[in-house]
Protein backbone atom coordinates (compact mmCIF):
# COMPACT_ATOMS: atom_id res chain seq x y z
CA UNK A 1 -82.62 149.41 28.32
CA UNK A 2 -85.95 148.42 26.85
CA UNK A 3 -89.51 149.68 27.15
CA UNK A 4 -92.03 146.87 27.32
CA UNK A 5 -95.81 146.82 27.69
CA UNK A 6 -96.92 144.65 30.60
CA UNK A 7 -100.66 144.34 30.78
CA UNK A 8 -102.13 147.78 30.16
CA UNK A 9 -99.07 149.91 31.03
CA UNK A 10 -95.56 150.34 29.71
CA UNK A 11 -92.56 149.50 31.88
CA UNK A 12 -88.87 150.24 31.73
CA UNK A 13 -86.74 147.08 31.94
CA UNK A 14 -83.06 147.46 32.77
CA UNK A 15 -80.20 145.49 34.32
CA UNK A 16 -78.99 146.74 37.71
CA UNK A 17 -75.45 148.16 37.50
CA UNK A 18 -72.85 146.30 39.53
CA UNK A 19 -72.30 149.40 41.73
CA UNK A 20 -75.76 148.99 43.29
CA UNK A 21 -75.78 145.22 43.94
CA UNK A 22 -75.13 145.92 47.61
CA UNK A 23 -78.46 147.73 47.98
CA UNK A 24 -80.50 146.14 45.18
CA UNK A 25 -80.80 142.31 45.19
CA UNK A 26 -82.56 142.12 41.82
CA UNK A 27 -80.44 141.63 38.70
CA UNK A 28 -83.05 143.32 36.52
CA UNK A 29 -85.62 145.93 37.51
CA UNK A 30 -89.02 146.67 35.96
CA UNK A 31 -90.10 150.29 36.50
CA UNK A 32 -93.71 151.20 35.73
CA UNK A 33 -93.99 154.30 33.54
CA UNK A 34 -97.68 154.71 34.41
CA UNK A 35 -98.87 155.22 30.84
CA UNK A 36 -100.42 153.19 28.05
CA UNK A 37 -98.88 155.48 25.41
CA UNK A 38 -95.61 154.26 23.93
CA UNK A 39 -94.61 157.83 22.98
CA UNK A 40 -95.19 159.09 26.51
CA UNK A 41 -93.40 156.05 27.91
CA UNK A 42 -90.27 156.87 25.93
CA UNK A 43 -90.35 160.47 27.13
CA UNK A 44 -90.62 159.36 30.78
CA UNK A 45 -88.04 156.58 30.70
CA UNK A 46 -84.91 158.66 31.33
CA UNK A 47 -86.44 160.46 34.27
CA UNK A 48 -87.69 157.21 35.79
CA UNK A 49 -84.26 155.64 35.53
CA UNK A 50 -82.60 158.76 37.03
CA UNK A 51 -84.94 158.56 40.01
CA UNK A 52 -84.09 154.89 40.49
CA UNK A 53 -80.35 155.64 40.39
CA UNK A 54 -80.82 158.56 42.78
CA UNK A 55 -82.60 156.23 45.21
CA UNK A 56 -79.81 153.64 44.99
CA UNK A 57 -77.18 156.34 45.55
CA UNK A 58 -79.05 157.51 48.62
CA UNK A 59 -79.15 153.98 49.99
CA UNK A 60 -75.43 153.53 49.33
CA UNK A 61 -74.67 156.76 51.18
CA UNK A 62 -76.83 155.72 54.10
CA UNK A 63 -75.74 152.11 54.34
CA UNK A 64 -74.39 152.82 57.78
CA UNK A 65 -74.97 152.19 61.45
CA UNK A 66 -74.95 155.94 62.02
CA UNK A 67 -78.43 157.22 62.89
CA UNK A 68 -77.87 160.52 61.14
CA UNK A 69 -76.79 158.81 57.92
CA UNK A 70 -79.90 156.58 58.00
CA UNK A 71 -82.12 159.59 58.53
CA UNK A 72 -80.49 161.49 55.65
CA UNK A 73 -80.97 158.40 53.47
CA UNK A 74 -84.67 158.32 54.30
CA UNK A 75 -85.03 161.97 53.36
CA UNK A 76 -83.12 161.47 50.10
CA UNK A 77 -85.14 158.36 49.20
CA UNK A 78 -88.43 160.14 49.81
CA UNK A 79 -87.27 163.02 47.63
CA UNK A 80 -86.14 160.63 44.89
CA UNK A 81 -89.63 159.13 44.84
CA UNK A 82 -91.16 162.59 44.52
CA UNK A 83 -92.22 163.08 48.14
CA UNK A 84 -91.09 165.12 51.12
CA UNK A 85 -89.98 163.12 54.13
CA UNK A 86 -92.53 163.28 56.95
CA UNK A 87 -92.49 161.41 60.22
CA UNK A 88 -95.13 158.72 60.68
CA UNK A 89 -97.35 161.00 62.74
CA UNK A 90 -97.55 163.58 59.97
CA UNK A 91 -97.97 160.92 57.28
CA UNK A 92 -101.04 159.71 59.20
CA UNK A 93 -102.53 163.20 58.99
CA UNK A 94 -102.31 163.33 55.19
CA UNK A 95 -105.41 162.89 53.01
CA UNK A 96 -106.07 159.22 52.23
CA UNK A 97 -105.17 159.60 48.57
CA UNK A 98 -101.74 161.05 49.51
CA UNK A 99 -101.03 158.13 51.85
CA UNK A 100 -102.07 155.68 49.14
CA UNK A 101 -99.72 157.41 46.67
CA UNK A 102 -96.82 156.90 49.08
CA UNK A 103 -97.69 153.23 49.60
CA UNK A 104 -97.95 152.62 45.88
CA UNK A 105 -94.54 154.25 45.31
CA UNK A 106 -92.79 151.68 47.54
CA UNK A 107 -90.90 149.20 45.34
CA UNK A 108 -92.16 145.65 45.95
CA UNK A 109 -90.08 143.08 44.07
CA UNK A 110 -91.67 139.61 44.29
CA UNK A 111 -94.58 141.34 46.05
CA UNK A 112 -92.37 142.07 49.06
CA UNK A 113 -92.30 145.84 49.87
CA UNK A 114 -88.77 147.11 50.28
CA UNK A 115 -88.42 147.85 54.03
CA UNK A 116 -85.91 150.71 53.60
CA UNK A 117 -88.06 152.47 51.02
CA UNK A 118 -91.20 151.83 53.06
CA UNK A 119 -89.59 153.42 56.12
CA UNK A 120 -88.59 156.46 54.04
CA UNK A 121 -92.01 156.98 52.46
CA UNK A 122 -94.05 156.23 55.58
CA UNK A 123 -91.81 158.16 57.98
CA UNK A 124 -90.75 155.46 60.41
CA UNK A 125 -87.04 156.37 60.49
CA UNK A 126 -86.42 158.14 63.82
CA UNK A 127 -84.87 161.58 63.67
CA UNK A 128 -81.29 161.35 64.97
CA UNK A 129 -80.32 162.92 68.26
CA UNK A 130 -78.09 165.93 67.78
CA UNK A 131 -76.42 166.86 71.03
CA UNK A 132 -74.55 170.10 71.64
CA UNK A 133 -71.17 168.40 71.12
CA UNK A 134 -72.47 166.62 68.00
CA UNK A 135 -73.65 170.01 66.73
CA UNK A 136 -70.08 171.30 66.99
CA UNK A 137 -68.80 168.32 64.97
CA UNK A 138 -71.39 169.08 62.29
CA UNK A 139 -70.68 172.81 62.39
CA UNK A 140 -67.14 172.52 61.00
CA UNK A 141 -68.55 171.12 57.74
CA UNK A 142 -71.72 173.19 57.60
CA UNK A 143 -69.82 176.46 58.10
CA UNK A 144 -66.78 175.57 55.99
CA UNK A 145 -67.28 178.59 53.67
CA UNK A 146 -66.21 180.76 56.62
CA UNK A 147 -62.78 179.13 56.57
CA UNK A 148 -61.95 179.73 52.92
CA UNK A 149 -58.64 181.54 52.60
CA UNK A 150 -57.67 181.23 56.28
CA UNK A 151 -54.14 180.25 57.18
CA UNK A 152 -53.52 177.38 59.59
CA UNK A 153 -53.11 179.82 62.47
CA UNK A 154 -56.19 181.86 61.50
CA UNK A 155 -58.20 178.64 61.34
CA UNK A 156 -56.99 177.64 64.81
CA UNK A 157 -57.95 181.05 66.22
CA UNK A 158 -61.36 180.86 64.50
CA UNK A 159 -62.09 177.39 65.89
CA UNK A 160 -60.82 177.96 69.42
CA UNK A 161 -63.56 180.30 70.79
CA UNK A 162 -66.31 178.07 69.37
CA UNK A 163 -64.80 175.00 71.01
CA UNK A 164 -64.50 176.98 74.24
CA UNK A 165 -68.14 178.16 74.13
CA UNK A 166 -69.45 174.62 73.60
CA UNK A 167 -67.19 173.23 76.35
CA UNK A 168 -68.42 175.90 78.78
CA UNK A 169 -72.08 175.27 77.94
CA UNK A 170 -71.77 171.51 78.37
CA UNK A 171 -69.99 171.99 81.70
CA UNK A 172 -72.86 174.14 83.03
CA UNK A 173 -75.96 172.71 81.33
CA UNK A 174 -74.89 169.29 80.06
CA UNK A 175 -74.60 167.74 76.60
CA UNK A 176 -78.31 168.04 75.85
CA UNK A 177 -80.10 167.35 72.58
CA UNK A 178 -80.67 170.58 70.69
CA UNK A 179 -84.39 169.88 70.72
CA UNK A 180 -84.34 169.71 74.53
CA UNK A 181 -82.54 172.98 75.24
CA UNK A 182 -84.89 175.20 77.25
CA UNK A 183 -85.02 178.87 78.13
CA UNK A 184 -84.07 177.92 81.68
CA UNK A 185 -80.92 176.23 80.35
CA UNK A 186 -79.87 179.40 78.57
CA UNK A 187 -80.65 181.54 81.62
CA UNK A 188 -78.58 179.18 83.78
CA UNK A 189 -75.69 179.59 81.36
CA UNK A 190 -76.11 183.37 81.43
CA UNK A 191 -76.18 183.34 85.23
CA UNK A 192 -72.86 181.48 85.23
CA UNK A 193 -71.32 184.34 83.27
CA UNK A 194 -73.04 186.99 85.40
CA UNK A 195 -71.52 185.44 88.53
CA UNK A 196 -68.07 185.58 86.93
CA UNK A 197 -68.57 189.19 85.79
CA UNK A 198 -69.60 190.25 89.29
CA UNK A 199 -66.54 188.48 90.70
CA UNK A 200 -64.33 190.49 88.25
CA UNK A 201 -63.12 187.24 86.69
CA UNK A 202 -64.20 188.20 83.18
CA UNK A 203 -65.60 191.20 81.32
CA UNK A 204 -69.06 191.51 79.84
CA UNK A 205 -67.39 191.46 76.44
CA UNK A 206 -65.85 188.03 77.12
CA UNK A 207 -69.20 186.66 78.28
CA UNK A 208 -70.97 188.03 75.21
CA UNK A 209 -68.43 186.44 72.90
CA UNK A 210 -69.13 183.03 74.45
CA UNK A 211 -72.88 183.53 73.97
CA UNK A 212 -72.36 184.68 70.37
CA UNK A 213 -70.18 181.70 69.43
CA UNK A 214 -72.54 179.23 71.10
CA UNK A 215 -75.48 180.77 69.24
CA UNK A 216 -73.58 180.68 65.94
CA UNK A 217 -72.95 176.94 66.24
CA UNK A 218 -76.49 176.03 67.31
CA UNK A 219 -78.26 178.30 64.81
CA UNK A 220 -76.08 177.16 61.90
CA UNK A 221 -76.79 173.47 62.59
CA UNK A 222 -80.50 174.18 63.12
CA UNK A 223 -80.72 176.02 59.79
CA UNK A 224 -78.50 173.86 57.61
CA UNK A 225 -79.88 170.57 58.97
CA UNK A 226 -83.44 171.92 58.56
CA UNK A 227 -84.31 170.93 62.12
CA UNK A 228 -86.96 173.62 62.42
CA UNK A 229 -86.26 174.18 66.12
CA UNK A 230 -87.14 177.36 67.99
CA UNK A 231 -83.92 177.87 69.90
CA UNK A 232 -84.25 180.07 73.03
CA UNK A 233 -81.22 182.26 72.25
CA UNK A 234 -82.66 185.78 72.36
CA UNK A 235 -82.04 188.59 74.88
CA UNK A 236 -79.10 186.99 76.65
CA UNK A 237 -76.26 189.45 76.08
CA UNK A 238 -74.78 191.70 78.74
CA UNK A 239 -74.52 195.46 78.47
CA UNK A 240 -70.90 196.32 77.87
CA UNK A 241 -69.16 199.33 79.33
CA UNK A 242 -67.18 201.79 77.28
CA UNK A 243 -64.75 199.90 75.10
CA UNK A 244 -61.19 200.14 76.36
CA UNK A 245 -58.68 200.84 73.59
CA UNK A 246 -54.94 200.72 73.82
CA UNK A 247 -53.43 204.22 74.24
CA UNK A 248 -50.81 205.35 71.72
CA UNK A 249 -47.15 205.70 72.59
CA UNK A 250 -46.12 209.35 72.79
CA UNK A 251 -43.57 210.60 70.26
CA UNK A 252 -41.08 211.24 73.04
CA UNK A 253 -41.44 207.68 74.35
CA UNK A 254 -40.90 206.16 70.92
CA UNK A 255 -37.87 208.35 70.21
CA UNK A 256 -36.08 208.10 73.56
CA UNK A 257 -37.18 204.72 74.96
CA UNK A 258 -38.23 202.33 72.18
CA UNK A 259 -35.67 203.64 69.70
CA UNK A 260 -33.05 204.52 72.29
CA UNK A 261 -29.56 203.04 71.88
CA UNK A 262 -29.65 199.29 72.62
CA UNK A 263 -33.28 199.40 73.85
CA UNK A 264 -34.40 196.48 71.68
CA UNK A 265 -31.17 194.47 71.68
CA UNK A 266 -32.61 191.71 73.86
CA UNK A 267 -35.52 191.07 71.48
CA UNK A 268 -34.95 188.38 68.83
CA UNK A 269 -34.00 189.81 65.44
CA UNK A 270 -37.18 189.03 63.52
CA UNK A 271 -39.54 190.29 66.24
CA UNK A 272 -37.44 193.47 66.43
CA UNK A 273 -37.66 193.84 62.66
CA UNK A 274 -41.46 193.58 62.70
CA UNK A 275 -41.68 196.10 65.57
CA UNK A 276 -39.47 198.62 63.77
CA UNK A 277 -41.43 198.05 60.59
CA UNK A 278 -44.62 198.90 62.46
CA UNK A 279 -43.30 202.27 63.74
CA UNK A 280 -43.76 204.10 60.42
CA UNK A 281 -46.40 201.90 58.77
CA UNK A 282 -48.94 201.20 61.50
CA UNK A 283 -49.62 197.74 60.11
CA UNK A 284 -51.22 195.11 62.31
CA UNK A 285 -48.62 192.78 63.87
CA UNK A 286 -50.09 189.79 62.03
CA UNK A 287 -49.84 191.70 58.74
CA UNK A 288 -46.15 192.41 59.32
CA UNK A 289 -45.46 188.80 60.21
CA UNK A 290 -47.18 187.56 57.03
CA UNK A 291 -45.08 189.63 54.59
CA UNK A 292 -42.95 187.76 52.05
CA UNK A 293 -40.37 188.54 49.39
CA UNK A 294 -43.26 189.00 46.94
CA UNK A 295 -45.00 191.61 49.09
CA UNK A 296 -41.91 193.55 50.21
CA UNK A 297 -40.92 195.91 47.38
CA UNK A 298 -37.54 197.54 47.93
CA UNK A 299 -36.07 197.69 44.42
CA UNK A 300 -38.30 200.48 43.11
CA UNK A 301 -38.63 204.27 43.13
CA UNK A 302 -40.85 204.18 46.25
CA UNK A 303 -40.02 201.28 48.57
CA UNK A 304 -43.22 199.84 49.98
CA UNK A 305 -45.02 196.80 51.32
CA UNK A 306 -48.20 195.30 49.94
CA UNK A 307 -50.73 193.86 52.40
CA UNK A 308 -52.42 191.01 50.55
CA UNK A 309 -54.31 187.76 51.14
CA UNK A 310 -51.14 185.75 50.63
CA UNK A 311 -51.82 182.37 52.27
CA UNK A 312 -54.10 183.98 54.85
CA UNK A 313 -57.44 185.76 55.12
CA UNK A 314 -57.46 189.56 55.45
CA UNK A 315 -59.50 191.16 58.22
CA UNK A 316 -61.69 192.78 55.55
CA UNK A 317 -61.38 193.71 51.89
CA UNK A 318 -60.36 197.23 52.99
CA UNK A 319 -57.23 195.69 54.54
CA UNK A 320 -55.72 195.08 51.09
CA UNK A 321 -53.42 198.09 50.65
CA UNK A 322 -49.95 199.45 49.85
CA UNK A 323 -47.87 201.27 52.49
CA UNK A 324 -44.66 203.23 51.73
CA UNK A 325 -41.53 202.46 53.75
CA UNK A 326 -39.64 205.28 55.43
CA UNK A 327 -37.14 205.85 58.25
CA UNK A 328 -36.43 203.03 60.68
CA UNK A 329 -39.13 200.89 59.05
CA UNK A 330 -37.37 201.01 55.69
CA UNK A 331 -34.05 200.14 57.33
CA UNK A 332 -35.67 197.16 59.08
CA UNK A 333 -37.01 195.76 55.82
CA UNK A 334 -33.65 196.21 54.13
CA UNK A 335 -32.34 193.71 56.69
CA UNK A 336 -35.28 191.35 56.07
CA UNK A 337 -36.19 191.68 52.37
CA UNK A 338 -37.82 188.23 52.41
CA UNK A 339 -39.91 188.85 55.51
CA UNK A 340 -40.01 187.14 58.87
CA UNK A 341 -40.60 183.39 58.47
CA UNK A 342 -40.32 182.77 62.22
CA UNK A 343 -43.64 184.61 62.72
CA UNK A 344 -45.38 183.98 59.41
CA UNK A 345 -49.01 183.12 60.20
CA UNK A 346 -48.17 182.29 63.82
CA UNK A 347 -49.88 183.69 66.90
CA UNK A 348 -46.83 184.00 69.18
CA UNK A 349 -45.49 187.36 67.95
CA UNK A 350 -47.52 189.74 70.14
CA UNK A 351 -46.96 187.63 73.26
CA UNK A 352 -43.17 187.63 72.67
CA UNK A 353 -42.97 191.38 72.03
CA UNK A 354 -45.30 192.38 74.86
CA UNK A 355 -43.40 190.23 77.35
CA UNK A 356 -40.13 191.83 76.27
CA UNK A 357 -41.50 195.38 76.48
CA UNK A 358 -43.07 194.75 79.88
CA UNK A 359 -40.00 193.04 81.35
CA UNK A 360 -37.69 195.82 80.17
CA UNK A 361 -39.83 198.76 81.27
CA UNK A 362 -40.62 199.81 77.71
CA UNK A 363 -44.40 200.14 78.13
CA UNK A 364 -45.32 203.76 78.74
CA UNK A 365 -48.17 202.69 81.08
CA UNK A 366 -49.59 199.28 82.08
CA UNK A 367 -52.34 199.81 79.47
CA UNK A 368 -49.86 200.17 76.62
CA UNK A 369 -48.90 197.23 74.40
CA UNK A 370 -47.15 196.38 71.15
CA UNK A 371 -50.36 197.41 69.35
CA UNK A 372 -49.98 200.94 70.73
CA UNK A 373 -47.48 201.60 67.93
CA UNK A 374 -50.35 201.36 65.44
CA UNK A 375 -52.37 203.91 67.39
CA UNK A 376 -49.32 206.16 67.69
CA UNK A 377 -48.82 206.16 63.93
CA UNK A 378 -52.42 207.25 63.40
CA UNK A 379 -52.11 210.04 65.98
CA UNK A 380 -48.98 211.35 64.30
CA UNK A 381 -50.76 211.40 60.93
CA UNK A 382 -53.73 213.21 62.47
CA UNK A 383 -51.48 215.81 64.13
CA UNK A 384 -49.73 216.39 60.80
CA UNK A 385 -53.05 217.11 59.09
CA UNK A 386 -52.90 214.13 56.73
CA UNK A 387 -56.22 213.72 54.92
CA UNK A 388 -58.78 211.28 56.38
CA UNK A 389 -58.98 209.32 53.09
CA UNK A 390 -55.23 208.75 53.11
CA UNK A 391 -55.18 207.76 56.80
CA UNK A 392 -57.96 205.23 56.29
CA UNK A 393 -56.33 203.83 53.15
CA UNK A 394 -53.04 203.36 55.01
CA UNK A 395 -54.76 201.70 57.96
CA UNK A 396 -57.04 199.46 55.92
CA UNK A 397 -60.17 201.03 57.38
CA UNK A 398 -63.58 201.59 55.86
CA UNK A 399 -64.22 205.08 54.45
CA UNK A 400 -67.52 206.51 55.73
CA UNK A 401 -68.47 207.80 52.29
CA UNK A 402 -68.25 206.72 48.65
CA UNK A 403 -64.70 206.17 47.42
CA UNK A 404 -64.05 208.23 44.29
CA UNK A 405 -60.96 207.91 42.13
CA UNK A 406 -57.83 205.92 42.95
CA UNK A 407 -56.78 208.01 45.92
CA UNK A 408 -53.37 209.60 46.52
CA UNK A 409 -50.38 208.29 44.60
CA UNK A 410 -47.81 206.18 46.40
CA UNK A 411 -45.21 208.92 45.81
CA UNK A 412 -47.42 211.56 47.47
CA UNK A 413 -48.24 209.31 50.43
CA UNK A 414 -44.54 208.49 50.90
CA UNK A 415 -43.73 212.23 51.08
CA UNK A 416 -46.41 212.76 53.74
CA UNK A 417 -45.33 209.79 55.86
CA UNK A 418 -41.66 210.77 55.61
CA UNK A 419 -42.50 214.05 57.43
CA UNK A 420 -43.67 212.17 60.56
CA UNK A 421 -41.32 209.17 60.34
CA UNK A 422 -38.76 208.25 62.97
């Protein structure tokens, strides 16, 4: 690298690295430092070279037939030259001196302005079309922080409703450009769901989830791609009725039907083990299925399980907890001290158990399900007068006040649970 005075001003002279020969035909570049002071020239040289390299890198990244890549290149090139990318219409509205500054910043080797740089600085690169389906493709990368820590199955369940929402929207409205989505389009989509709600095909909750996931995808792409669109997504949700929760199994039903002699014999061993483990712990089915030899602690004074983010994402940070093992749940884990690999981070467990319970007349009412064991455990704790803090800690729920101290000891909690255990 050398700094040489050419005419009145100093220039930086440097050979073009081999990496950039694809986008820079010159073997050597002369970069004006816009000063007649040698001291100032030296202080500006590194920054000038960094900007040149940044511009070459942008051109390498955008050396593609993809319209979006070319547009991103134009934006990066403009930024590397010290300008914000504006389309040609907005460039024309700038003060004359600002337009002149952009023209003068366009490299012109052999007095031939570089067409790629000229397009970037003068705003003639068309903004790429981003359709609804293209937005979904972009979303997976733009929202990747939401996937950190998710298991393969959790990732599949996170992606599925977003894919479904986009598919439904395209089927009703079409694969429109985001910039062309109108309020009428959104109202047409809402009407589709209203028709289905009125026909008792879906609930208002299901319709709202589709609207939420669609909005999440479109708003994320609009924000992260800096599209600046005013998306007509407001005031579309449906009023939901009272939330229906699964009723708990009664104590008599658990004792005489679920735990009756041979009642669960037709259920595969690992599913049966998870069910029995749930009876006196109230864990979520997915939490039971995810347990491993490292999180099942049997060889200690108080046998227990530890619910952790072990290869999966927890529902919330409150879900990280320790639960003592008692009664039939302890016996189940003694048979499976290394957990239940058949159902580890897989979504089939609840379907298998619910089908078995339904087929064998083991659901107390049609509204009951496998999950009703979790509700039953909480009801038994409530009836026994177990403190709200302890109940919430065992269930992995938020405490509606400040948490002080470490909470009850594992030994104390084990004594309390043992009193209500089957």
